[in-house]
Protein backbone atom coordinates (compact mmCIF):
# COMPACT_ATOMS: atom_id res chain seq x y z
CA MET A 1 0.00 0.00 0.00
CA SER A 2 1.42 3.39 -0.90
CA ASP A 3 1.80 6.25 1.56
CA PHE A 4 -0.37 8.51 -0.59
CA VAL A 5 -3.90 7.83 -1.74
CA SER A 6 -5.56 10.18 -4.19
CA GLN A 7 -8.91 11.44 -2.95
CA PHE A 8 -10.44 9.88 -6.06
CA GLN A 9 -8.84 6.47 -5.61
CA PHE A 10 -10.87 3.47 -4.52
CA LEU A 11 -10.38 2.44 -0.90
CA GLY A 12 -9.66 -1.26 -0.69
CA PRO A 13 -10.30 -3.69 2.15
CA GLN A 14 -6.95 -2.95 3.85
CA ASP A 15 -7.59 0.79 3.66
CA LEU A 16 -11.06 0.43 5.13
CA ALA A 17 -9.71 -1.86 7.87
CA ILE A 18 -7.25 0.87 8.92
CA CYS A 19 -10.02 3.46 8.99
CA GLN A 20 -12.28 1.10 10.95
CA ARG A 21 -9.62 0.39 13.60
CA VAL A 22 -8.96 4.11 14.03
CA PHE A 23 -12.70 4.80 14.25
CA ASP A 24 -13.21 2.05 16.84
CA LYS A 25 -10.32 3.24 19.02
CA LEU A 26 -11.52 6.84 18.95
CA CYS A 27 -15.14 5.96 19.73
CA VAL A 28 -14.04 3.93 22.75
CA SER A 29 -11.66 6.68 23.87
CA ALA A 30 -14.29 9.42 23.53
CA ASN A 31 -17.06 7.15 24.88
CA TRP A 32 -19.18 7.82 21.78
CA GLU A 33 -21.83 5.59 20.28
CA ARG A 34 -20.71 4.63 16.79
CA THR A 35 -24.13 5.47 15.35
CA ALA A 36 -24.49 8.84 17.10
CA ILE A 37 -23.98 12.03 15.12
CA GLU A 38 -20.49 12.39 16.64
CA GLY A 39 -19.60 8.93 15.40
CA GLU A 40 -20.88 9.67 11.91
CA GLU A 41 -18.92 12.92 11.76
CA LEU A 42 -15.81 11.18 13.05
CA ALA A 43 -16.11 8.45 10.40
CA PHE A 44 -16.38 11.11 7.70
CA ARG A 45 -13.31 12.97 9.01
CA ILE A 46 -11.26 9.77 9.17
CA LEU A 47 -12.10 8.89 5.57
CA VAL A 48 -11.33 12.41 4.36
CA ALA A 49 -7.98 12.46 6.18
CA PHE A 50 -7.12 9.03 4.75
CA GLN A 51 -8.03 10.12 1.24
CA HIS A 52 -5.86 13.20 1.66
CA GLY A 53 -2.77 11.12 2.34
CA ILE A 54 -2.73 10.17 6.02
CA THR A 55 -2.69 6.43 5.35
CA ASN A 56 -0.48 5.26 8.21
CA GLU A 57 -2.69 3.96 11.03
CA GLU A 58 -0.68 5.56 13.84
CA ALA A 59 -0.47 8.89 12.03
CA LEU A 60 -4.19 8.83 11.27
CA LEU A 61 -5.00 8.05 14.89
CA ALA A 62 -2.72 10.86 16.10
CA GLU A 63 -4.30 13.30 13.63
CA MET A 64 -7.80 12.42 14.80
CA TYR A 65 -6.82 12.66 18.49
CA ALA A 66 -5.41 16.11 17.77
CA LEU A 67 -8.63 17.07 16.01
CA LEU A 68 -10.74 15.88 18.95
CA ASP A 69 -8.47 17.69 21.40
CA ASP A 70 -8.76 20.89 19.37
CA GLN A 71 -12.56 20.58 19.32
CA LYS A 72 -12.64 20.14 23.11
CA LYS A 73 -10.56 23.29 23.56
CA ARG A 74 -12.91 25.32 21.38
CA VAL A 75 -16.03 24.06 23.13
CA GLY A 76 -14.63 24.80 26.53
């Protein structure tokens, strides 16, 4: 698997597995229901980040944790 995925490229089973593992870890960490609006938004953000080149699982997880942390700071 390459380190860069064009946003128009098909996501294969390995790609989706990475996104799913990141999603699952973040939902558990944030104590979110996967089907809640927060879970749906998170899934979207993970896929967008992956399609924009963050294809390494650890890097994707770190990026999403940073995003969640930033959102918490803005909310208060």
